[in-house]
């Protein structure tokens, strides 16, 4: 019998450093790095459901990402990647966190 895994996907935050000038005045470009956040389960919004954001604005989200209890809070506006593998190579979806909810039994974020 097949075993069902509650959190089969991997969540990464995209951390970008800003460009800066070196001692000679040359611009050094910033870099983008994938930071592993934890296991998750990504569910595509096939019904076109909406969530209410700050200020009472309703927005149709692309995906709901379920996270285990204890996953660190991810700020709204953070760019994230959900992947099928722990290296982040097999990307499922990439987006910006619209809302994060830390519940009693698990956490959720909307992209």
PDB file of N, CA and C in Angstrom:
ATOM      1  N   UNK A   1       0.836  -1.184   0.000  1.00  0.00           N
ATOM      2  CA  UNK A   1       0.000   0.000   0.000  1.00  0.00           C
ATOM      3  C   UNK A   1       0.883   1.251   0.000  1.00  0.00           C
ATOM      4  N   UNK A   2       0.517   2.222  -0.806  1.00  0.00           N
ATOM      5  CA  UNK A   2       1.301   3.455  -0.926  1.00  0.00           C
ATOM      6  C   UNK A   2       1.159   4.317   0.324  1.00  0.00           C
ATOM      7  N   UNK A   3       2.253   4.922   0.718  1.00  0.00           N
ATOM      8  CA  UNK A   3       2.277   5.800   1.889  1.00  0.00           C
ATOM      9  C   UNK A   3       2.057   7.237   1.411  1.00  0.00           C
ATOM     10  N   UNK A   4       1.146   7.931   2.054  1.00  0.00           N
ATOM     11  CA  UNK A   4       0.872   9.316   1.695  1.00  0.00           C
ATOM     12  C   UNK A   4       1.703  10.214   2.596  1.00  0.00           C
ATOM     13  N   UNK A   5       2.419  11.142   1.969  1.00  0.00           N
ATOM     14  CA  UNK A   5       3.257  12.080   2.705  1.00  0.00           C
ATOM     15  C   UNK A   5       2.494  13.391   2.854  1.00  0.00           C
ATOM     16  N   UNK A   6       2.340  13.871   4.095  1.00  0.00           N
ATOM     17  CA  UNK A   6       1.557  15.074   4.345  1.00  0.00           C
ATOM     18  C   UNK A   6       2.201  16.320   3.729  1.00  0.00           C
ATOM     19  N   UNK A   7       3.516  16.414   3.790  1.00  0.00           N
ATOM     20  CA  UNK A   7       4.231  17.574   3.252  1.00  0.00           C
ATOM     21  C   UNK A   7       5.285  17.097   2.244  1.00  0.00           C
ATOM     22  N   UNK A   8       4.871  16.861   0.990  1.00  0.00           N
ATOM     23  CA  UNK A   8       5.788  16.294  -0.010  1.00  0.00           C
ATOM     24  C   UNK A   8       6.675  17.309  -0.732  1.00  0.00           C
ATOM     25  N   UNK A   9       6.453  18.604  -0.508  1.00  0.00           N
ATOM     26  CA  UNK A   9       7.196  19.627  -1.244  1.00  0.00           C
ATOM     27  C   UNK A   9       8.146  20.389  -0.326  1.00  0.00           C
ATOM     28  N   UNK A  10       8.959  21.266  -0.936  1.00  0.00           N
ATOM     29  CA  UNK A  10       9.992  22.009  -0.209  1.00  0.00           C
ATOM     30  C   UNK A  10       9.819  23.506  -0.480  1.00  0.00           C
ATOM     31  N   UNK A  11       9.855  24.296   0.581  1.00  0.00           N
ATOM     32  CA  UNK A  11       9.666  25.740   0.480  1.00  0.00           C
ATOM     33  C   UNK A  11      11.002  26.453   0.669  1.00  0.00           C
ATOM     34  N   UNK A  12      11.271  27.394  -0.239  1.00  0.00           N
ATOM     35  CA  UNK A  12      12.489  28.203  -0.195  1.00  0.00           C
ATOM     36  C   UNK A  12      12.104  29.676  -0.260  1.00  0.00           C
ATOM     37  N   UNK A  13      12.830  30.513   0.450  1.00  0.00           N
ATOM     38  CA  UNK A  13      12.679  31.966   0.336  1.00  0.00           C
ATOM     39  C   UNK A  13      13.816  32.467  -0.545  1.00  0.00           C
ATOM     40  N   UNK A  14      13.508  33.417  -1.411  1.00  0.00           N
ATOM     41  CA  UNK A  14      14.533  34.027  -2.264  1.00  0.00           C
ATOM     42  C   UNK A  14      15.110  35.226  -1.524  1.00  0.00           C
ATOM     43  N   UNK A  15      16.373  35.147  -1.189  1.00  0.00           N
ATOM     44  CA  UNK A  15      17.046  36.244  -0.490  1.00  0.00           C
ATOM     45  C   UNK A  15      17.957  36.954  -1.478  1.00  0.00           C
ATOM     46  N   UNK A  16      17.705  38.240  -1.670  1.00  0.00           N
ATOM     47  CA  UNK A  16      18.468  39.023  -2.630  1.00  0.00           C
ATOM     48  C   UNK A  16      19.287  40.083  -1.906  1.00  0.00           C
ATOM     49  N   UNK A  17      20.568  40.146  -2.236  1.00  0.00           N
ATOM     50  CA  UNK A  17      21.413  41.195  -1.668  1.00  0.00           C
ATOM     51  C   UNK A  17      21.436  42.362  -2.652  1.00  0.00           C
ATOM     52  N   UNK A  18      21.567  43.559  -2.136  1.00  0.00           N
ATOM     53  CA  UNK A  18      21.566  44.745  -2.983  1.00  0.00           C
ATOM     54  C   UNK A  18      22.920  44.953  -3.658  1.00  0.00           C
ATOM     55  N   UNK A  19      22.880  45.636  -4.789  1.00  0.00           N
ATOM     56  CA  UNK A  19      24.126  46.020  -5.462  1.00  0.00           C
ATOM     57  C   UNK A  19      24.841  47.055  -4.604  1.00  0.00           C
ATOM     58  N   UNK A  20      26.156  47.099  -4.736  1.00  0.00           N
ATOM     59  CA  UNK A  20      26.928  48.079  -3.969  1.00  0.00           C
ATOM     60  C   UNK A  20      28.152  48.489  -4.779  1.00  0.00           C
ATOM     61  N   UNK A  21      28.784  49.571  -4.334  1.00  0.00           N
ATOM     62  CA  UNK A  21      30.003  50.056  -4.995  1.00  0.00           C
ATOM     63  C   UNK A  21      31.218  49.612  -4.199  1.00  0.00           C
ATOM     64  N   UNK A  22      32.237  49.145  -4.912  1.00  0.00           N
ATOM     65  CA  UNK A  22      33.482  48.770  -4.240  1.00  0.00           C
ATOM     66  C   UNK A  22      34.335  50.022  -4.011  1.00  0.00           C
ATOM     67  N   UNK A  23      35.532  49.845  -3.478  1.00  0.00           N
ATOM     68  CA  UNK A  23      36.410  50.969  -3.151  1.00  0.00           C
ATOM     69  C   UNK A  23      36.825  51.791  -4.377  1.00  0.00           C
ATOM     70  N   UNK A  24      36.791  51.167  -5.562  1.00  0.00           N
ATOM     71  CA  UNK A  24      37.161  51.867  -6.796  1.00  0.00           C
ATOM     72  C   UNK A  24      35.962  52.539  -7.468  1.00  0.00           C
ATOM     73  N   UNK A  25      34.779  52.420  -6.879  1.00  0.00           N
ATOM     74  CA  UNK A  25      33.579  53.036  -7.439  1.00  0.00           C
ATOM     75  C   UNK A  25      32.843  52.172  -8.439  1.00  0.00           C
ATOM     76  N   UNK A  26      33.279  50.917  -8.612  1.00  0.00           N
ATOM     77  CA  UNK A  26      32.613  50.006  -9.544  1.00  0.00           C
ATOM     78  C   UNK A  26      31.401  49.370  -8.866  1.00  0.00           C
ATOM     79  N   UNK A  27      30.326  49.244  -9.640  1.00  0.00           N
ATOM     80  CA  UNK A  27      29.137  48.594  -9.106  1.00  0.00           C
ATOM     81  C   UNK A  27      29.324  47.081  -9.084  1.00  0.00           C
ATOM     82  N   UNK A  28      29.027  46.481  -7.947  1.00  0.00           N
ATOM     83  CA  UNK A  28      29.051  45.027  -7.790  1.00  0.00           C
ATOM     84  C   UNK A  28      27.592  44.587  -7.702  1.00  0.00           C
ATOM     85  N   UNK A  29      27.148  43.741  -8.644  1.00  0.00           N
ATOM     86  CA  UNK A  29      25.732  43.351  -8.648  1.00  0.00           C
ATOM     87  C   UNK A  29      25.378  42.491  -7.430  1.00  0.00           C
ATOM     88  N   UNK A  30      24.137  42.634  -6.998  1.00  0.00           N
ATOM     89  CA  UNK A  30      23.643  41.810  -5.903  1.00  0.00           C
ATOM     90  C   UNK A  30      23.446  40.380  -6.367  1.00  0.00           C
ATOM     91  N   UNK A  31      23.231  39.500  -5.439  1.00  0.00           N
ATOM     92  CA  UNK A  31      23.020  38.095  -5.780  1.00  0.00           C
ATOM     93  C   UNK A  31      21.699  37.608  -5.186  1.00  0.00           C
ATOM     94  N   UNK A  32      21.167  36.552  -5.758  1.00  0.00           N
ATOM     95  CA  UNK A  32      19.937  35.933  -5.270  1.00  0.00           C
ATOM     96  C   UNK A  32      20.266  34.518  -4.833  1.00  0.00           C
ATOM     97  N   UNK A  33      19.790  34.169  -3.646  1.00  0.00           N
ATOM     98  CA  UNK A  33      20.089  32.858  -3.079  1.00  0.00           C
ATOM     99  C   UNK A  33      18.803  32.224  -2.563  1.00  0.00           C
ATOM    100  N   UNK A  34      18.654  30.918  -2.794  1.00  0.00           N
ATOM    101  CA  UNK A  34      17.522  30.174  -2.258  1.00  0.00           C
ATOM    102  C   UNK A  34      17.848  29.747  -0.833  1.00  0.00           C
ATOM    103  N   UNK A  35      16.999  30.125   0.120  1.00  0.00           N
ATOM    104  CA  UNK A  35      17.169  29.754   1.521  1.00  0.00           C
ATOM    105  C   UNK A  35      16.073  28.750   1.862  1.00  0.00           C
ATOM    106  N   UNK A  36      16.461  27.556   2.284  1.00  0.00           N
ATOM    107  CA  UNK A  36      15.496  26.504   2.613  1.00  0.00           C
ATOM    108  C   UNK A  36      14.711  26.890   3.862  1.00  0.00           C
ATOM    109  N   UNK A  37      13.387  26.850   3.771  1.00  0.00           N
ATOM    110  CA  UNK A  37      12.515  27.178   4.901  1.00  0.00           C
ATOM    111  C   UNK A  37      12.006  25.910   5.558  1.00  0.00           C
ATOM    112  N   UNK A  38      11.526  24.946   4.757  1.00  0.00           N
ATOM    113  CA  UNK A  38      11.024  23.702   5.330  1.00  0.00           C
ATOM    114  C   UNK A  38      10.129  22.950   4.364  1.00  0.00           C
ATOM    115  N   UNK A  39       9.566  21.863   4.861  1.00  0.00           N
ATOM    116  CA  UNK A  39       8.651  21.029   4.084  1.00  0.00           C
ATOM    117  C   UNK A  39       7.308  21.730   3.980  1.00  0.00           C
ATOM    118  N   UNK A  40       6.555  21.389   2.931  1.00  0.00           N
ATOM    119  CA  UNK A  40       5.254  22.012   2.731  1.00  0.00           C
ATOM    120  C   UNK A  40       4.410  21.155   1.789  1.00  0.00           C
ATOM    121  N   UNK A  41       3.171  21.626   1.572  1.00  0.00           N
ATOM    122  CA  UNK A  41       2.301  21.019   0.566  1.00  0.00           C
ATOM    123  C   UNK A  41       1.653  22.165  -0.208  1.00  0.00           C
ATOM    124  N   UNK A  42       1.917  22.235  -1.492  1.00  0.00           N
ATOM    125  CA  UNK A  42       1.372  23.286  -2.352  1.00  0.00           C
ATOM    126  C   UNK A  42       0.099  22.778  -3.005  1.00  0.00           C
ATOM    127  N   UNK A  43      -0.955  23.601  -2.928  1.00  0.00           N
ATOM    128  CA  UNK A  43      -2.238  23.255  -3.529  1.00  0.00           C
ATOM    129  C   UNK A  43      -2.648  24.383  -4.468  1.00  0.00           C
ATOM    130  N   UNK A  44      -2.777  24.079  -5.748  1.00  0.00           N
ATOM    131  CA  UNK A  44      -3.162  25.071  -6.747  1.00  0.00           C
ATOM    132  C   UNK A  44      -4.609  25.505  -6.531  1.00  0.00           C
ATOM    133  N   UNK A  45      -4.873  26.779  -6.723  1.00  0.00           N
ATOM    134  CA  UNK A  45      -6.217  27.335  -6.561  1.00  0.00           C
ATOM    135  C   UNK A  45      -6.995  27.144  -7.857  1.00  0.00           C
ATOM    136  N   UNK A  46      -7.524  25.958  -8.058  1.00  0.00           N
ATOM    137  CA  UNK A  46      -8.244  25.642  -9.284  1.00  0.00           C
ATOM    138  C   UNK A  46      -9.633  26.246  -9.359  1.00  0.00           C
ATOM    139  N   UNK A  47     -10.206  26.637  -8.220  1.00  0.00           N
ATOM    140  CA  UNK A  47     -11.562  27.188  -8.192  1.00  0.00           C
ATOM    141  C   UNK A  47     -11.594  28.710  -8.298  1.00  0.00           C
ATOM    142  N   UNK A  48     -10.436  29.346  -8.246  1.00  0.00           N
ATOM    143  CA  UNK A  48     -10.412  30.805  -8.310  1.00  0.00           C
ATOM    144  C   UNK A  48     -10.854  31.468  -7.023  1.00  0.00           C
ATOM    145  N   UNK A  49     -10.636  30.802  -5.891  1.00  0.00           N
ATOM    146  CA  UNK A  49     -11.007  31.358  -4.589  1.00  0.00           C
ATOM    147  C   UNK A  49     -10.224  32.626  -4.300  1.00  0.00           C
ATOM    148  N   UNK A  50     -10.780  33.452  -3.432  1.00  0.00           N
ATOM    149  CA  UNK A  50     -10.136  34.709  -3.064  1.00  0.00           C
ATOM    150  C   UNK A  50      -9.869  34.751  -1.569  1.00  0.00           C
ATOM    151  N   UNK A  51      -8.895  35.585  -1.185  1.00  0.00           N
ATOM    152  CA  UNK A  51      -8.619  35.845   0.223  1.00  0.00           C
ATOM    153  C   UNK A  51      -8.683  37.351   0.442  1.00  0.00           C
ATOM    154  N   UNK A  52      -8.979  37.708   1.693  1.00  0.00           N
ATOM    155  CA  UNK A  52      -9.018  39.125   2.040  1.00  0.00           C
ATOM    156  C   UNK A  52      -7.666  39.534   2.588  1.00  0.00           C
ATOM    157  N   UNK A  53      -7.082  40.549   1.986  1.00  0.00           N
ATOM    158  CA  UNK A  53      -5.789  41.056   2.415  1.00  0.00           C
ATOM    159  C   UNK A  53      -5.995  42.273   3.309  1.00  0.00           C
ATOM    160  N   UNK A  54      -4.902  42.824   3.803  1.00  0.00           N
ATOM    161  CA  UNK A  54      -4.978  44.012   4.642  1.00  0.00           C
ATOM    162  C   UNK A  54      -5.712  45.126   3.904  1.00  0.00           C
ATOM    163  N   UNK A  55      -6.501  45.872   4.628  1.00  0.00           N
ATOM    164  CA  UNK A  55      -7.245  46.968   4.016  1.00  0.00           C
ATOM    165  C   UNK A  55      -8.555  46.521   3.395  1.00  0.00           C
ATOM    166  N   UNK A  56      -8.929  45.253   3.570  1.00  0.00           N
ATOM    167  CA  UNK A  56     -10.202  44.770   3.060  1.00  0.00           C
ATOM    168  C   UNK A  56     -10.219  44.438   1.584  1.00  0.00           C
ATOM    169  N   UNK A  57      -9.058  44.397   0.943  1.00  0.00           N
ATOM    170  CA  UNK A  57      -8.970  44.094  -0.484  1.00  0.00           C
ATOM    171  C   UNK A  57      -9.032  42.580  -0.687  1.00  0.00           C
ATOM    172  N   UNK A  58      -9.866  42.136  -1.634  1.00  0.00           N
ATOM    173  CA  UNK A  58      -9.940  40.718  -1.970  1.00  0.00           C
ATOM    174  C   UNK A  58      -9.063  40.443  -3.177  1.00  0.00           C
ATOM    175  N   UNK A  59      -8.355  39.314  -3.142  1.00  0.00           N
ATOM    176  CA  UNK A  59      -7.429  38.986  -4.222  1.00  0.00           C
ATOM    177  C   UNK A  59      -7.527  37.490  -4.530  1.00  0.00           C
ATOM    178  N   UNK A  60      -7.520  37.150  -5.802  1.00  0.00           N
ATOM    179  CA  UNK A  60      -7.497  35.741  -6.212  1.00  0.00           C
ATOM    180  C   UNK A  60      -6.061  35.254  -6.129  1.00  0.00           C
ATOM    181  N   UNK A  61      -5.835  34.217  -5.364  1.00  0.00           N
ATOM    182  CA  UNK A  61      -4.482  33.698  -5.182  1.00  0.00           C
ATOM    183  C   UNK A  61      -4.202  32.545  -6.141  1.00  0.00           C
ATOM    184  N   UNK A  62      -2.923  32.262  -6.373  1.00  0.00           N
ATOM    185  CA  UNK A  62      -2.517  31.182  -7.278  1.00  0.00           C
ATOM    186  C   UNK A  62      -2.446  29.844  -6.562  1.00  0.00           C
ATOM    187  N   UNK A  63      -1.846  29.854  -5.362  1.00  0.00           N
ATOM    188  CA  UNK A  63      -1.653  28.613  -4.610  1.00  0.00           C
ATOM    189  C   UNK A  63      -1.761  28.865  -3.122  1.00  0.00           C
ATOM    190  N   UNK A  64      -2.226  27.838  -2.424  1.00  0.00           N
ATOM    191  CA  UNK A  64      -2.221  27.803  -0.967  1.00  0.00           C
ATOM    192  C   UNK A  64      -1.124  26.821  -0.571  1.00  0.00           C
ATOM    193  N   UNK A  65      -0.246  27.242   0.320  1.00  0.00           N
ATOM    194  CA  UNK A  65       0.853  26.389   0.755  1.00  0.00           C
ATOM    195  C   UNK A  65       0.641  26.061   2.226  1.00  0.00           C
ATOM    196  N   UNK A  66       0.486  24.772   2.527  1.00  0.00           N
ATOM    197  CA  UNK A  66       0.303  24.283   3.900  1.00  0.00           C
ATOM    198  C   UNK A  66       1.677  23.982   4.486  1.00  0.00           C
ATOM    199  N   UNK A  67       1.890  24.387   5.740  1.00  0.00           N
ATOM    200  CA  UNK A  67       3.194  24.224   6.403  1.00  0.00           C
ATOM    201  C   UNK A  67       3.011  23.573   7.773  1.00  0.00           C
ATOM    202  N   UNK A  68       3.971  22.779   8.222  1.00  0.00           N
ATOM    203  CA  UNK A  68       3.863  22.164   9.546  1.00  0.00           C
ATOM    204  C   UNK A  68       3.889  23.219  10.658  1.00  0.00           C
ATOM    205  N   UNK A  69       3.286  22.862  11.775  1.00  0.00           N
ATOM    206  CA  UNK A  69       3.322  23.733  12.951  1.00  0.00           C
ATOM    207  C   UNK A  69       4.783  24.004  13.326  1.00  0.00           C
ATOM    208  N   UNK A  70       5.079  25.242  13.670  1.00  0.00           N
ATOM    209  CA  UNK A  70       6.443  25.598  14.066  1.00  0.00           C
ATOM    210  C   UNK A  70       7.285  26.178  12.953  1.00  0.00           C
ATOM    211  N   UNK A  71       6.759  26.185  11.715  1.00  0.00           N
ATOM    212  CA  UNK A  71       7.506  26.801  10.613  1.00  0.00           C
ATOM    213  C   UNK A  71       7.589  28.300  10.867  1.00  0.00           C
ATOM    214  N   UNK A  72       8.775  28.866  10.663  1.00  0.00           N
ATOM    215  CA  UNK A  72       8.952  30.299  10.940  1.00  0.00           C
ATOM    216  C   UNK A  72       8.056  31.153  10.046  1.00  0.00           C
ATOM    217  N   UNK A  73       7.666  32.283  10.585  1.00  0.00           N
ATOM    218  CA  UNK A  73       6.804  33.222   9.868  1.00  0.00           C
ATOM    219  C   UNK A  73       7.544  33.790   8.657  1.00  0.00           C
ATOM    220  N   UNK A  74       6.829  33.902   7.550  1.00  0.00           N
ATOM    221  CA  UNK A  74       7.382  34.484   6.332  1.00  0.00           C
ATOM    222  C   UNK A  74       6.588  35.749   6.042  1.00  0.00           C
ATOM    223  N   UNK A  75       7.275  36.853   5.934  1.00  0.00           N
ATOM    224  CA  UNK A  75       6.623  38.150   5.766  1.00  0.00           C
ATOM    225  C   UNK A  75       5.940  38.279   4.415  1.00  0.00           C
ATOM    226  N   UNK A  76       4.832  39.012   4.415  1.00  0.00           N
ATOM    227  CA  UNK A  76       4.144  39.318   3.170  1.00  0.00           C
ATOM    228  C   UNK A  76       5.106  40.071   2.257  1.00  0.00           C
ATOM    229  N   UNK A  77       5.059  39.758   0.982  1.00  0.00           N
ATOM    230  CA  UNK A  77       5.943  40.392   0.011  1.00  0.00           C
ATOM    231  C   UNK A  77       7.224  39.614  -0.258  1.00  0.00           C
ATOM    232  N   UNK A  78       7.535  38.624   0.600  1.00  0.00           N
ATOM    233  CA  UNK A  78       8.721  37.795   0.393  1.00  0.00           C
ATOM    234  C   UNK A  78       8.524  36.915  -0.833  1.00  0.00           C
ATOM    235  N   UNK A  79       9.529  36.845  -1.683  1.00  0.00           N
ATOM    236  CA  UNK A  79       9.464  35.965  -2.850  1.00  0.00           C
ATOM    237  C   UNK A  79       9.883  34.571  -2.414  1.00  0.00           C
ATOM    238  N   UNK A  80       9.080  33.567  -2.804  1.00  0.00           N
ATOM    239  CA  UNK A  80       9.340  32.191  -2.415  1.00  0.00           C
ATOM    240  C   UNK A  80       9.257  31.268  -3.623  1.00  0.00           C
ATOM    241  N   UNK A  81       9.839  30.087  -3.458  1.00  0.00           N
ATOM    242  CA  UNK A  81       9.787  29.023  -4.461  1.00  0.00           C
ATOM    243  C   UNK A  81       9.335  27.762  -3.756  1.00  0.00           C
ATOM    244  N   UNK A  82       8.405  27.031  -4.375  1.00  0.00           N
ATOM    245  CA  UNK A  82       8.015  25.703  -3.904  1.00  0.00           C
ATOM    246  C   UNK A  82       8.544  24.717  -4.932  1.00  0.00           C
ATOM    247  N   UNK A  83       9.291  23.719  -4.443  1.00  0.00           N
ATOM    248  CA  UNK A  83       9.924  22.750  -5.349  1.00  0.00           C
ATOM    249  C   UNK A  83       9.553  21.324  -4.954  1.00  0.00           C
ATOM    250  N   UNK A  84       9.741  20.424  -5.912  1.00  0.00           N
ATOM    251  CA  UNK A  84       9.500  18.996  -5.671  1.00  0.00           C
ATOM    252  C   UNK A  84      10.689  18.312  -5.022  1.00  0.00           C
ATOM    253  N   UNK A  85      11.858  18.959  -5.051  1.00  0.00           N
ATOM    254  CA  UNK A  85      13.064  18.348  -4.496  1.00  0.00           C
ATOM    255  C   UNK A  85      13.758  19.313  -3.533  1.00  0.00           C
ATOM    256  N   UNK A  86      14.588  18.750  -2.667  1.00  0.00           N
ATOM    257  CA  UNK A  86      15.232  19.540  -1.624  1.00  0.00           C
ATOM    258  C   UNK A  86      16.313  20.474  -2.153  1.00  0.00           C
ATOM    259  N   UNK A  87      16.768  20.259  -3.367  1.00  0.00           N
ATOM    260  CA  UNK A  87      17.777  21.155  -3.939  1.00  0.00           C
ATOM    261  C   UNK A  87      17.134  22.397  -4.568  1.00  0.00           C
ATOM    262  N   UNK A  88      15.807  22.373  -4.766  1.00  0.00           N
ATOM    263  CA  UNK A  88      15.106  23.512  -5.354  1.00  0.00           C
ATOM    264  C   UNK A  88      15.166  23.561  -6.862  1.00  0.00           C
ATOM    265  N   UNK A  89      15.681  22.510  -7.487  1.00  0.00           N
ATOM    266  CA  UNK A  89      15.852  22.475  -8.947  1.00  0.00           C
ATOM    267  C   UNK A  89      14.527  22.224  -9.678  1.00  0.00           C
ATOM    268  N   UNK A  90      13.682  21.339  -9.125  1.00  0.00           N
ATOM    269  CA  UNK A  90      12.417  20.968  -9.767  1.00  0.00           C
ATOM    270  C   UNK A  90      11.306  21.864  -9.218  1.00  0.00           C
ATOM    271  N   UNK A  91      11.224  23.072  -9.764  1.00  0.00           N
ATOM    272  CA  UNK A  91      10.315  24.102  -9.260  1.00  0.00           C
ATOM    273  C   UNK A  91       8.862  23.816  -9.624  1.00  0.00           C
ATOM    274  N   UNK A  92       7.966  23.943  -8.646  1.00  0.00           N
ATOM    275  CA  UNK A  92       6.523  23.810  -8.873  1.00  0.00           C
ATOM    276  C   UNK A  92       5.898  25.172  -9.142  1.00  0.00           C
ATOM    277  N   UNK A  93       6.223  26.135  -8.281  1.00  0.00           N
ATOM    278  CA  UNK A  93       5.665  27.487  -8.409  1.00  0.00           C
ATOM    279  C   UNK A  93       6.604  28.474  -7.731  1.00  0.00           C
ATOM    280  N   UNK A  94       6.584  29.684  -8.241  1.00  0.00           N
ATOM    281  CA  UNK A  94       7.355  30.773  -7.657  1.00  0.00           C
ATOM    282  C   UNK A  94       6.397  31.948  -7.533  1.00  0.00           C
ATOM    283  N   UNK A  95       6.457  32.647  -6.413  1.00  0.00           N
ATOM    284  CA  UNK A  95       5.557  33.776  -6.238  1.00  0.00           C
ATOM    285  C   UNK A  95       5.893  34.608  -5.021  1.00  0.00           C
ATOM    286  N   UNK A  96       5.040  35.574  -4.780  1.00  0.00           N
ATOM    287  CA  UNK A  96       5.218  36.484  -3.662  1.00  0.00           C
ATOM    288  C   UNK A  96       4.164  36.175  -2.604  1.00  0.00           C
ATOM    289  N   UNK A  97       4.577  36.114  -1.348  1.00  0.00           N
ATOM    290  CA  UNK A  97       3.655  35.804  -0.257  1.00  0.00           C
ATOM    291  C   UNK A  97       2.654  36.945  -0.119  1.00  0.00           C
ATOM    292  N   UNK A  98       1.373  36.599  -0.253  1.00  0.00           N
ATOM    293  CA  UNK A  98       0.314  37.587  -0.106  1.00  0.00           C
ATOM    294  C   UNK A  98      -0.180  37.654   1.330  1.00  0.00           C
ATOM    295  N   UNK A  99      -0.189  36.489   1.996  1.00  0.00           N
ATOM    296  CA  UNK A  99      -0.697  36.411   3.367  1.00  0.00           C
ATOM    297  C   UNK A  99      -0.088  35.185   4.030  1.00  0.00           C
ATOM    298  N   UNK A 100       0.184  35.291   5.336  1.00  0.00           N
ATOM    299  CA  UNK A 100       0.708  34.172   6.118  1.00  0.00           C
ATOM    300  C   UNK A 100      -0.158  34.039   7.362  1.00  0.00           C
ATOM    301  N   UNK A 101      -0.583  32.816   7.667  1.00  0.00           N
ATOM    302  CA  UNK A 101      -1.422  32.566   8.834  1.00  0.00           C
ATOM    303  C   UNK A 101      -0.804  31.451   9.658  1.00  0.00           C
ATOM    304  N   UNK A 102      -0.452  31.765  10.899  1.00  0.00           N
ATOM    305  CA  UNK A 102       0.117  30.775  11.802  1.00  0.00           C
ATOM    306  C   UNK A 102      -1.019  30.234  12.669  1.00  0.00           C
ATOM    307  N   UNK A 103      -1.497  29.031  12.349  1.00  0.00           N
ATOM    308  CA  UNK A 103      -2.615  28.442  13.064  1.00  0.00           C
ATOM    309  C   UNK A 103      -2.163  27.606  14.243  1.00  0.00           C
ATOM    310  N   UNK A 104      -3.130  27.028  14.928  1.00  0.00           N
ATOM    311  CA  UNK A 104      -2.842  26.215  16.106  1.00  0.00           C
ATOM    312  C   UNK A 104      -2.229  24.868  15.721  1.00  0.00           C
ATOM    313  N   UNK A 105      -2.666  24.293  14.606  1.00  0.00           N
ATOM    314  CA  UNK A 105      -2.191  22.969  14.202  1.00  0.00           C
ATOM    315  C   UNK A 105      -1.208  23.000  13.036  1.00  0.00           C
ATOM    316  N   UNK A 106      -1.254  24.061  12.244  1.00  0.00           N
ATOM    317  CA  UNK A 106      -0.363  24.205  11.100  1.00  0.00           C
ATOM    318  C   UNK A 106      -0.368  25.662  10.657  1.00  0.00           C
ATOM    319  N   UNK A 107       0.476  25.999   9.706  1.00  0.00           N
ATOM    320  CA  UNK A 107       0.532  27.350   9.147  1.00  0.00           C
ATOM    321  C   UNK A 107       0.168  27.291   7.664  1.00  0.00           C
ATOM    322  N   UNK A 108      -0.244  28.430   7.137  1.00  0.00           N
ATOM    323  CA  UNK A 108      -0.585  28.502   5.717  1.00  0.00           C
ATOM    324  C   UNK A 108      -0.069  29.807   5.153  1.00  0.00           C
ATOM    325  N   UNK A 109       0.276  29.761   3.879  1.00  0.00           N
ATOM    326  CA  UNK A 109       0.600  31.006   3.180  1.00  0.00           C
ATOM    327  C   UNK A 109      -0.011  30.945   1.799  1.00  0.00           C
ATOM    328  N   UNK A 110      -0.342  32.126   1.298  1.00  0.00           N
ATOM    329  CA  UNK A 110      -0.987  32.251   0.000  1.00  0.00           C
ATOM    330  C   UNK A 110      -0.070  32.979  -0.957  1.00  0.00           C
ATOM    331  N   UNK A 111       0.046  32.452  -2.178  1.00  0.00           N
ATOM    332  CA  UNK A 111       0.847  33.073  -3.240  1.00  0.00           C
ATOM    333  C   UNK A 111      -0.074  33.628  -4.304  1.00  0.00           C
TER     334      UNK A 111
END
